[in-house]
């Protein structure tokens, strides 16, 4: 073998080695990707496909379904109603950022008279409500009200310390003029060090048998850190049935809070 041929072989081997190393550096990461929570596979610490383990998304089979405790329509004035669904999230520190829902209404003969659809969120561990105001049903009376979610929830884990910090306290609940011009006031306090925007507040009134007999809603643009304010609810007609218990439920989407 001549020296020129040997030199050509050496160059060829160098080129082959270079191409092999370069190919390995390019192809190996593509073949042996590190597990992520967005790769469409059940790998790493996951307990399902891109869920569970260290992923923020919780696997659907490992969480409790949202409990629908009751749903009703309450008359505001003849022909106009407020619809309320009373719900329960049993999952600690696990929320849903966005989910679609539907109310359906029927009269005493179970004849369909209308529906109302919307989008809501599911706050962490506890009872919450979906409130739909000013339902116009004309001359019909909604005796039967059903509620359902029309999309699948995507459960997201939220740090426990964050949930524990973002607390709203309700005190000084007072109902006056129940049989004439009902009005209810309450003090709402943001006990956290963060600004909480878009706070929805619903009050529900119960009779001596524990049945919900009326409901109302108000809205707060934002509660600054450690802020305390008064919320007020009014009704256009007397409340029939005798109010024994008053429940005030503040709600906000935890993802809307900007942490410092």
C-alpha atoms as a PDB file:
ATOM      1  CA  UNK A   1       0.000   0.000   0.000  1.00  0.00           C
ATOM      2  CA  UNK A   2       1.437   3.321  -1.013  1.00  0.00           C
ATOM      3  CA  UNK A   3       1.821   6.201   1.441  1.00  0.00           C
ATOM      4  CA  UNK A   4      -0.680   8.278  -0.554  1.00  0.00           C
ATOM      5  CA  UNK A   5      -3.299   5.546  -0.244  1.00  0.00           C
ATOM      6  CA  UNK A   6      -2.633   5.213   3.481  1.00  0.00           C
ATOM      7  CA  UNK A   7      -3.048   8.961   3.907  1.00  0.00           C
ATOM      8  CA  UNK A   8      -6.371   8.864   2.047  1.00  0.00           C
ATOM      9  CA  UNK A   9      -7.598   6.032   4.298  1.00  0.00           C
ATOM     10  CA  UNK A  10      -6.580   7.987   7.393  1.00  0.00           C
ATOM     11  CA  UNK A  11      -8.500  11.025   6.161  1.00  0.00           C
ATOM     12  CA  UNK A  12     -11.495   8.823   5.368  1.00  0.00           C
ATOM     13  CA  UNK A  13     -11.441   7.272   8.857  1.00  0.00           C
ATOM     14  CA  UNK A  14     -11.236  10.735  10.427  1.00  0.00           C
ATOM     15  CA  UNK A  15     -14.250  11.883   8.393  1.00  0.00           C
ATOM     16  CA  UNK A  16     -16.231   8.734   9.305  1.00  0.00           C
ATOM     17  CA  UNK A  17     -15.379   9.175  12.985  1.00  0.00           C
ATOM     18  CA  UNK A  18     -16.390  12.856  12.874  1.00  0.00           C
ATOM     19  CA  UNK A  19     -19.688  12.109  11.151  1.00  0.00           C
ATOM     20  CA  UNK A  20     -20.403   9.259  13.588  1.00  0.00           C
ATOM     21  CA  UNK A  21     -19.773  11.451  16.634  1.00  0.00           C
ATOM     22  CA  UNK A  22     -21.821  14.304  15.168  1.00  0.00           C
ATOM     23  CA  UNK A  23     -24.653  11.923  14.305  1.00  0.00           C
ATOM     24  CA  UNK A  24     -24.607  10.477  17.815  1.00  0.00           C
ATOM     25  CA  UNK A  25     -24.763  13.937  19.378  1.00  0.00           C
ATOM     26  CA  UNK A  26     -27.757  14.844  17.193  1.00  0.00           C
ATOM     27  CA  UNK A  27     -29.711  11.596  17.154  1.00  0.00           C
ATOM     28  CA  UNK A  28     -29.145  10.336  20.726  1.00  0.00           C
ATOM     29  CA  UNK A  29     -31.018  13.215  22.444  1.00  0.00           C
ATOM     30  CA  UNK A  30     -33.879  12.676  20.000  1.00  0.00           C
ATOM     31  CA  UNK A  31     -34.063   8.966  20.805  1.00  0.00           C
ATOM     32  CA  UNK A  32     -33.330   9.154  24.525  1.00  0.00           C
ATOM     33  CA  UNK A  33     -35.202  12.287  25.585  1.00  0.00           C
ATOM     34  CA  UNK A  34     -35.457  12.989  29.304  1.00  0.00           C
ATOM     35  CA  UNK A  35     -39.015  12.374  30.553  1.00  0.00           C
ATOM     36  CA  UNK A  36     -41.225  15.466  30.689  1.00  0.00           C
ATOM     37  CA  UNK A  37     -44.837  16.154  31.631  1.00  0.00           C
ATOM     38  CA  UNK A  38     -45.657  17.054  28.019  1.00  0.00           C
ATOM     39  CA  UNK A  39     -44.239  14.192  25.930  1.00  0.00           C
ATOM     40  CA  UNK A  40     -47.417  12.105  25.645  1.00  0.00           C
ATOM     41  CA  UNK A  41     -45.881   9.169  27.537  1.00  0.00           C
ATOM     42  CA  UNK A  42     -46.229   7.665  31.009  1.00  0.00           C
ATOM     43  CA  UNK A  43     -42.603   7.910  32.088  1.00  0.00           C
ATOM     44  CA  UNK A  44     -40.388   9.371  34.787  1.00  0.00           C
ATOM     45  CA  UNK A  45     -42.263   9.780  38.070  1.00  0.00           C
ATOM     46  CA  UNK A  46     -45.644   9.998  36.341  1.00  0.00           C
ATOM     47  CA  UNK A  47     -48.494   7.722  37.381  1.00  0.00           C
ATOM     48  CA  UNK A  48     -50.339   8.266  34.089  1.00  0.00           C
ATOM     49  CA  UNK A  49     -49.724   9.876  30.722  1.00  0.00           C
ATOM     50  CA  UNK A  50     -48.295  13.324  31.532  1.00  0.00           C
ATOM     51  CA  UNK A  51     -50.017  13.363  34.928  1.00  0.00           C
ATOM     52  CA  UNK A  52     -49.356  12.481  38.558  1.00  0.00           C
ATOM     53  CA  UNK A  53     -45.991  12.220  40.250  1.00  0.00           C
ATOM     54  CA  UNK A  54     -43.992  15.427  39.857  1.00  0.00           C
ATOM     55  CA  UNK A  55     -46.322  16.789  37.135  1.00  0.00           C
ATOM     56  CA  UNK A  56     -48.636  19.700  37.939  1.00  0.00           C
ATOM     57  CA  UNK A  57     -51.530  17.889  36.254  1.00  0.00           C
ATOM     58  CA  UNK A  58     -53.266  15.280  38.417  1.00  0.00           C
ATOM     59  CA  UNK A  59     -54.507  12.072  36.798  1.00  0.00           C
ATOM     60  CA  UNK A  60     -58.303  12.028  36.466  1.00  0.00           C
ATOM     61  CA  UNK A  61     -58.617   8.536  37.954  1.00  0.00           C
ATOM     62  CA  UNK A  62     -56.726   9.645  41.072  1.00  0.00           C
ATOM     63  CA  UNK A  63     -59.001  12.549  42.026  1.00  0.00           C
ATOM     64  CA  UNK A  64     -62.570  12.702  43.284  1.00  0.00           C
ATOM     65  CA  UNK A  65     -65.231  13.959  40.907  1.00  0.00           C
ATOM     66  CA  UNK A  66     -66.814  17.332  41.560  1.00  0.00           C
ATOM     67  CA  UNK A  67     -69.857  16.766  43.753  1.00  0.00           C
ATOM     68  CA  UNK A  68     -73.109  18.378  42.607  1.00  0.00           C
ATOM     69  CA  UNK A  69     -75.026  18.681  45.886  1.00  0.00           C
ATOM     70  CA  UNK A  70     -78.027  20.563  44.539  1.00  0.00           C
ATOM     71  CA  UNK A  71     -79.163  23.023  41.873  1.00  0.00           C
ATOM     72  CA  UNK A  72     -82.162  25.370  42.008  1.00  0.00           C
ATOM     73  CA  UNK A  73     -83.727  28.484  40.514  1.00  0.00           C
ATOM     74  CA  UNK A  74     -84.814  31.260  42.894  1.00  0.00           C
ATOM     75  CA  UNK A  75     -87.361  33.881  41.879  1.00  0.00           C
ATOM     76  CA  UNK A  76     -86.142  37.482  41.818  1.00  0.00           C
ATOM     77  CA  UNK A  77     -89.372  38.923  40.445  1.00  0.00           C
ATOM     78  CA  UNK A  78     -92.141  37.117  38.498  1.00  0.00           C
ATOM     79  CA  UNK A  79     -90.639  35.749  35.280  1.00  0.00           C
ATOM     80  CA  UNK A  80     -87.021  36.300  36.323  1.00  0.00           C
ATOM     81  CA  UNK A  81     -84.850  33.921  38.353  1.00  0.00           C
ATOM     82  CA  UNK A  82     -81.346  33.375  39.669  1.00  0.00           C
ATOM     83  CA  UNK A  83     -79.933  29.867  39.175  1.00  0.00           C
ATOM     84  CA  UNK A  84     -77.529  28.332  41.674  1.00  0.00           C
ATOM     85  CA  UNK A  85     -75.588  25.065  41.662  1.00  0.00           C
ATOM     86  CA  UNK A  86     -74.067  24.113  45.018  1.00  0.00           C
ATOM     87  CA  UNK A  87     -70.926  22.063  44.440  1.00  0.00           C
ATOM     88  CA  UNK A  88     -68.129  20.377  46.360  1.00  0.00           C
ATOM     89  CA  UNK A  89     -64.454  19.764  45.602  1.00  0.00           C
ATOM     90  CA  UNK A  90     -63.080  17.075  47.923  1.00  0.00           C
ATOM     91  CA  UNK A  91     -59.581  17.254  46.438  1.00  0.00           C
ATOM     92  CA  UNK A  92     -57.081  19.069  48.625  1.00  0.00           C
ATOM     93  CA  UNK A  93     -54.885  21.633  46.873  1.00  0.00           C
ATOM     94  CA  UNK A  94     -56.168  20.540  43.463  1.00  0.00           C
ATOM     95  CA  UNK A  95     -58.114  22.911  41.241  1.00  0.00           C
ATOM     96  CA  UNK A  96     -59.578  23.301  37.762  1.00  0.00           C
ATOM     97  CA  UNK A  97     -58.705  26.501  35.939  1.00  0.00           C
ATOM     98  CA  UNK A  98     -61.520  26.373  33.390  1.00  0.00           C
ATOM     99  CA  UNK A  99     -64.523  24.100  32.813  1.00  0.00           C
ATOM    100  CA  UNK A 100     -67.772  24.470  30.854  1.00  0.00           C
ATOM    101  CA  UNK A 101     -71.196  23.913  32.412  1.00  0.00           C
ATOM    102  CA  UNK A 102     -74.914  23.918  31.601  1.00  0.00           C
ATOM    103  CA  UNK A 103     -78.098  24.624  33.574  1.00  0.00           C
ATOM    104  CA  UNK A 104     -81.380  23.189  32.272  1.00  0.00           C
ATOM    105  CA  UNK A 105     -84.831  24.239  33.468  1.00  0.00           C
ATOM    106  CA  UNK A 106     -88.224  22.516  33.319  1.00  0.00           C
ATOM    107  CA  UNK A 107     -91.705  23.375  34.595  1.00  0.00           C
ATOM    108  CA  UNK A 108     -93.889  21.374  36.991  1.00  0.00           C
ATOM    109  CA  UNK A 109     -94.802  18.965  34.169  1.00  0.00           C
ATOM    110  CA  UNK A 110     -91.105  18.466  33.433  1.00  0.00           C
ATOM    111  CA  UNK A 111     -91.453  20.333  30.138  1.00  0.00           C
ATOM    112  CA  UNK A 112     -88.177  21.927  29.056  1.00  0.00           C
ATOM    113  CA  UNK A 113     -88.278  25.738  29.247  1.00  0.00           C
ATOM    114  CA  UNK A 114     -84.674  26.832  28.772  1.00  0.00           C
ATOM    115  CA  UNK A 115     -81.005  26.503  29.521  1.00  0.00           C
ATOM    116  CA  UNK A 116     -78.034  28.644  30.513  1.00  0.00           C
ATOM    117  CA  UNK A 117     -74.411  27.786  29.685  1.00  0.00           C
ATOM    118  CA  UNK A 118     -71.158  29.239  30.910  1.00  0.00           C
ATOM    119  CA  UNK A 119     -67.577  28.731  32.047  1.00  0.00           C
ATOM    120  CA  UNK A 120     -66.298  28.540  35.605  1.00  0.00           C
ATOM    121  CA  UNK A 121     -63.323  27.422  37.687  1.00  0.00           C
ATOM    122  CA  UNK A 122     -63.090  24.972  40.581  1.00  0.00           C
ATOM    123  CA  UNK A 123     -61.409  26.326  43.742  1.00  0.00           C
ATOM    124  CA  UNK A 124     -59.412  24.044  46.070  1.00  0.00           C
ATOM    125  CA  UNK A 125     -61.004  21.721  48.655  1.00  0.00           C
ATOM    126  CA  UNK A 126     -64.394  22.875  49.831  1.00  0.00           C
ATOM    127  CA  UNK A 127     -67.895  23.925  48.841  1.00  0.00           C
ATOM    128  CA  UNK A 128     -68.443  26.470  46.086  1.00  0.00           C
ATOM    129  CA  UNK A 129     -71.255  27.624  43.818  1.00  0.00           C
ATOM    130  CA  UNK A 130     -72.001  28.484  40.224  1.00  0.00           C
ATOM    131  CA  UNK A 131     -74.377  31.452  40.029  1.00  0.00           C
ATOM    132  CA  UNK A 132     -76.315  32.481  36.930  1.00  0.00           C
ATOM    133  CA  UNK A 133     -78.308  35.715  37.345  1.00  0.00           C
ATOM    134  CA  UNK A 134     -81.378  37.149  35.648  1.00  0.00           C
ATOM    135  CA  UNK A 135     -82.781  34.075  33.930  1.00  0.00           C
ATOM    136  CA  UNK A 136     -85.801  35.208  31.894  1.00  0.00           C
ATOM    137  CA  UNK A 137     -88.369  32.420  31.475  1.00  0.00           C
ATOM    138  CA  UNK A 138     -91.418  34.521  30.579  1.00  0.00           C
ATOM    139  CA  UNK A 139     -94.621  33.085  32.022  1.00  0.00           C
ATOM    140  CA  UNK A 140     -93.050  29.715  32.858  1.00  0.00           C
ATOM    141  CA  UNK A 141     -91.988  28.681  36.350  1.00  0.00           C
ATOM    142  CA  UNK A 142     -88.761  26.637  36.619  1.00  0.00           C
ATOM    143  CA  UNK A 143     -89.627  23.907  39.110  1.00  0.00           C
ATOM    144  CA  UNK A 144     -86.849  21.513  38.097  1.00  0.00           C
ATOM    145  CA  UNK A 145     -83.274  22.687  37.661  1.00  0.00           C
ATOM    146  CA  UNK A 146     -80.428  20.417  36.596  1.00  0.00           C
ATOM    147  CA  UNK A 147     -76.738  21.206  36.362  1.00  0.00           C
ATOM    148  CA  UNK A 148     -73.927  19.424  34.551  1.00  0.00           C
ATOM    149  CA  UNK A 149     -70.383  19.982  33.385  1.00  0.00           C
ATOM    150  CA  UNK A 150     -70.048  19.801  29.616  1.00  0.00           C
ATOM    151  CA  UNK A 151     -66.260  19.449  29.399  1.00  0.00           C
ATOM    152  CA  UNK A 152     -63.738  17.253  31.174  1.00  0.00           C
ATOM    153  CA  UNK A 153     -61.881  18.849  34.090  1.00  0.00           C
ATOM    154  CA  UNK A 154     -58.120  19.229  33.950  1.00  0.00           C
ATOM    155  CA  UNK A 155     -56.973  18.965  37.567  1.00  0.00           C
ATOM    156  CA  UNK A 156     -53.962  21.065  38.515  1.00  0.00           C
ATOM    157  CA  UNK A 157     -52.030  20.725  41.767  1.00  0.00           C
ATOM    158  CA  UNK A 158     -51.448  23.933  43.733  1.00  0.00           C
ATOM    159  CA  UNK A 159     -48.876  24.179  46.570  1.00  0.00           C
ATOM    160  CA  UNK A 160     -50.514  23.749  49.976  1.00  0.00           C
ATOM    161  CA  UNK A 161     -48.733  26.768  51.441  1.00  0.00           C
ATOM    162  CA  UNK A 162     -50.223  28.950  48.694  1.00  0.00           C
ATOM    163  CA  UNK A 163     -53.738  27.669  49.355  1.00  0.00           C
ATOM    164  CA  UNK A 164     -53.251  28.213  53.091  1.00  0.00           C
ATOM    165  CA  UNK A 165     -52.099  31.800  52.523  1.00  0.00           C
ATOM    166  CA  UNK A 166     -54.898  32.887  50.192  1.00  0.00           C
ATOM    167  CA  UNK A 167     -57.766  32.983  52.643  1.00  0.00           C
ATOM    168  CA  UNK A 168     -60.842  35.228  52.702  1.00  0.00           C
ATOM    169  CA  UNK A 169     -62.672  35.581  56.011  1.00  0.00           C
ATOM    170  CA  UNK A 170     -66.389  36.371  56.353  1.00  0.00           C
ATOM    171  CA  UNK A 171     -67.715  37.999  59.553  1.00  0.00           C
ATOM    172  CA  UNK A 172     -70.591  40.153  60.811  1.00  0.00           C
ATOM    173  CA  UNK A 173     -73.305  38.626  58.609  1.00  0.00           C
ATOM    174  CA  UNK A 174     -76.535  40.547  59.191  1.00  0.00           C
ATOM    175  CA  UNK A 175     -79.954  40.182  57.503  1.00  0.00           C
ATOM    176  CA  UNK A 176     -82.552  42.943  57.931  1.00  0.00           C
ATOM    177  CA  UNK A 177     -86.128  43.631  56.745  1.00  0.00           C
ATOM    178  CA  UNK A 178     -86.624  40.002  55.765  1.00  0.00           C
ATOM    179  CA  UNK A 179     -90.383  40.320  55.192  1.00  0.00           C
ATOM    180  CA  UNK A 180     -90.359  43.754  53.528  1.00  0.00           C
ATOM    181  CA  UNK A 181     -87.184  44.925  51.768  1.00  0.00           C
ATOM    182  CA  UNK A 182     -84.568  42.267  52.556  1.00  0.00           C
ATOM    183  CA  UNK A 183     -80.935  43.339  52.772  1.00  0.00           C
ATOM    184  CA  UNK A 184     -77.911  41.411  53.951  1.00  0.00           C
ATOM    185  CA  UNK A 185     -74.483  42.793  54.816  1.00  0.00           C
ATOM    186  CA  UNK A 186     -71.239  41.052  55.710  1.00  0.00           C
ATOM    187  CA  UNK A 187     -67.615  41.967  56.298  1.00  0.00           C
ATOM    188  CA  UNK A 188     -65.140  40.349  53.951  1.00  0.00           C
ATOM    189  CA  UNK A 189     -61.431  40.308  54.800  1.00  0.00           C
ATOM    190  CA  UNK A 190     -58.428  39.364  52.705  1.00  0.00           C
ATOM    191  CA  UNK A 191     -56.136  37.850  55.339  1.00  0.00           C
ATOM    192  CA  UNK A 192     -53.290  37.258  52.890  1.00  0.00           C
ATOM    193  CA  UNK A 193     -50.366  39.444  51.826  1.00  0.00           C
ATOM    194  CA  UNK A 194     -51.423  39.315  48.181  1.00  0.00           C
ATOM    195  CA  UNK A 195     -53.880  41.249  46.041  1.00  0.00           C
ATOM    196  CA  UNK A 196     -56.836  39.010  45.131  1.00  0.00           C
ATOM    197  CA  UNK A 197     -58.711  40.172  41.990  1.00  0.00           C
ATOM    198  CA  UNK A 198     -62.179  39.306  40.701  1.00  0.00           C
ATOM    199  CA  UNK A 199     -63.803  38.069  43.898  1.00  0.00           C
ATOM    200  CA  UNK A 200     -67.295  36.661  43.413  1.00  0.00           C
ATOM    201  CA  UNK A 201     -69.465  36.524  46.557  1.00  0.00           C
ATOM    202  CA  UNK A 202     -72.710  34.550  46.793  1.00  0.00           C
ATOM    203  CA  UNK A 203     -75.050  34.401  49.750  1.00  0.00           C
ATOM    204  CA  UNK A 204     -77.587  31.610  50.279  1.00  0.00           C
ATOM    205  CA  UNK A 205     -80.462  31.739  52.770  1.00  0.00           C
ATOM    206  CA  UNK A 206     -81.854  28.580  54.407  1.00  0.00           C
ATOM    207  CA  UNK A 207     -85.062  27.788  56.291  1.00  0.00           C
ATOM    208  CA  UNK A 208     -85.356  25.754  59.502  1.00  0.00           C
ATOM    209  CA  UNK A 209     -85.297  22.482  57.538  1.00  0.00           C
ATOM    210  CA  UNK A 210     -82.000  23.398  55.897  1.00  0.00           C
ATOM    211  CA  UNK A 211     -83.596  24.055  52.506  1.00  0.00           C
ATOM    212  CA  UNK A 212     -82.163  26.887  50.407  1.00  0.00           C
ATOM    213  CA  UNK A 213     -84.936  29.441  49.882  1.00  0.00           C
ATOM    214  CA  UNK A 214     -83.112  32.335  48.218  1.00  0.00           C
ATOM    215  CA  UNK A 215     -79.745  33.483  46.925  1.00  0.00           C
ATOM    216  CA  UNK A 216     -78.014  36.630  45.785  1.00  0.00           C
ATOM    217  CA  UNK A 217     -74.673  37.655  44.317  1.00  0.00           C
ATOM    218  CA  UNK A 218     -72.227  40.539  44.359  1.00  0.00           C
ATOM    219  CA  UNK A 219     -68.790  41.181  42.927  1.00  0.00           C
ATOM    220  CA  UNK A 220     -65.566  42.814  44.134  1.00  0.00           C
ATOM    221  CA  UNK A 221     -63.034  44.017  41.561  1.00  0.00           C
ATOM    222  CA  UNK A 222     -60.133  43.286  43.907  1.00  0.00           C
ATOM    223  CA  UNK A 223     -59.163  42.885  47.550  1.00  0.00           C
ATOM    224  CA  UNK A 224     -55.762  44.323  48.348  1.00  0.00           C
ATOM    225  CA  UNK A 225     -53.488  42.668  50.897  1.00  0.00           C
ATOM    226  CA  UNK A 226     -55.040  42.669  54.377  1.00  0.00           C
ATOM    227  CA  UNK A 227     -58.038  44.654  53.105  1.00  0.00           C
ATOM    228  CA  UNK A 228     -61.359  44.533  54.925  1.00  0.00           C
ATOM    229  CA  UNK A 229     -64.570  45.735  53.293  1.00  0.00           C
ATOM    230  CA  UNK A 230     -68.328  45.359  53.512  1.00  0.00           C
ATOM    231  CA  UNK A 231     -70.450  43.574  50.927  1.00  0.00           C
ATOM    232  CA  UNK A 232     -74.185  44.102  50.544  1.00  0.00           C
ATOM    233  CA  UNK A 233     -76.997  42.030  49.032  1.00  0.00           C
ATOM    234  CA  UNK A 234     -80.567  43.132  48.374  1.00  0.00           C
ATOM    235  CA  UNK A 235     -83.799  41.471  47.250  1.00  0.00           C
ATOM    236  CA  UNK A 236     -86.690  43.052  45.363  1.00  0.00           C
ATOM    237  CA  UNK A 237     -89.345  41.005  47.135  1.00  0.00           C
ATOM    238  CA  UNK A 238     -89.866  39.678  50.689  1.00  0.00           C
ATOM    239  CA  UNK A 239     -88.244  36.359  51.509  1.00  0.00           C
ATOM    240  CA  UNK A 240     -90.861  33.708  52.169  1.00  0.00           C
ATOM    241  CA  UNK A 241     -90.129  30.742  54.425  1.00  0.00           C
ATOM    242  CA  UNK A 242     -88.347  32.196  57.422  1.00  0.00           C
ATOM    243  CA  UNK A 243     -84.565  32.517  57.283  1.00  0.00           C
ATOM    244  CA  UNK A 244     -82.735  30.483  59.935  1.00  0.00           C
ATOM    245  CA  UNK A 245     -79.258  30.244  58.441  1.00  0.00           C
ATOM    246  CA  UNK A 246     -77.197  32.547  56.196  1.00  0.00           C
ATOM    247  CA  UNK A 247     -74.200  31.347  54.187  1.00  0.00           C
ATOM    248  CA  UNK A 248     -71.794  33.728  52.442  1.00  0.00           C
ATOM    249  CA  UNK A 249     -69.374  32.122  49.989  1.00  0.00           C
ATOM    250  CA  UNK A 250     -66.448  34.134  48.542  1.00  0.00           C
ATOM    251  CA  UNK A 251     -64.719  32.684  45.465  1.00  0.00           C
ATOM    252  CA  UNK A 252     -61.792  33.598  43.227  1.00  0.00           C
ATOM    253  CA  UNK A 253     -59.668  31.884  40.628  1.00  0.00           C
ATOM    254  CA  UNK A 254     -56.379  31.097  42.350  1.00  0.00           C
ATOM    255  CA  UNK A 255     -54.538  31.448  39.025  1.00  0.00           C
ATOM    256  CA  UNK A 256     -55.523  35.129  38.879  1.00  0.00           C
ATOM    257  CA  UNK A 257     -53.436  35.976  41.964  1.00  0.00           C
ATOM    258  CA  UNK A 258     -50.019  37.380  41.094  1.00  0.00           C
ATOM    259  CA  UNK A 259     -47.490  36.279  43.677  1.00  0.00           C
ATOM    260  CA  UNK A 260     -44.606  38.533  44.614  1.00  0.00           C
END
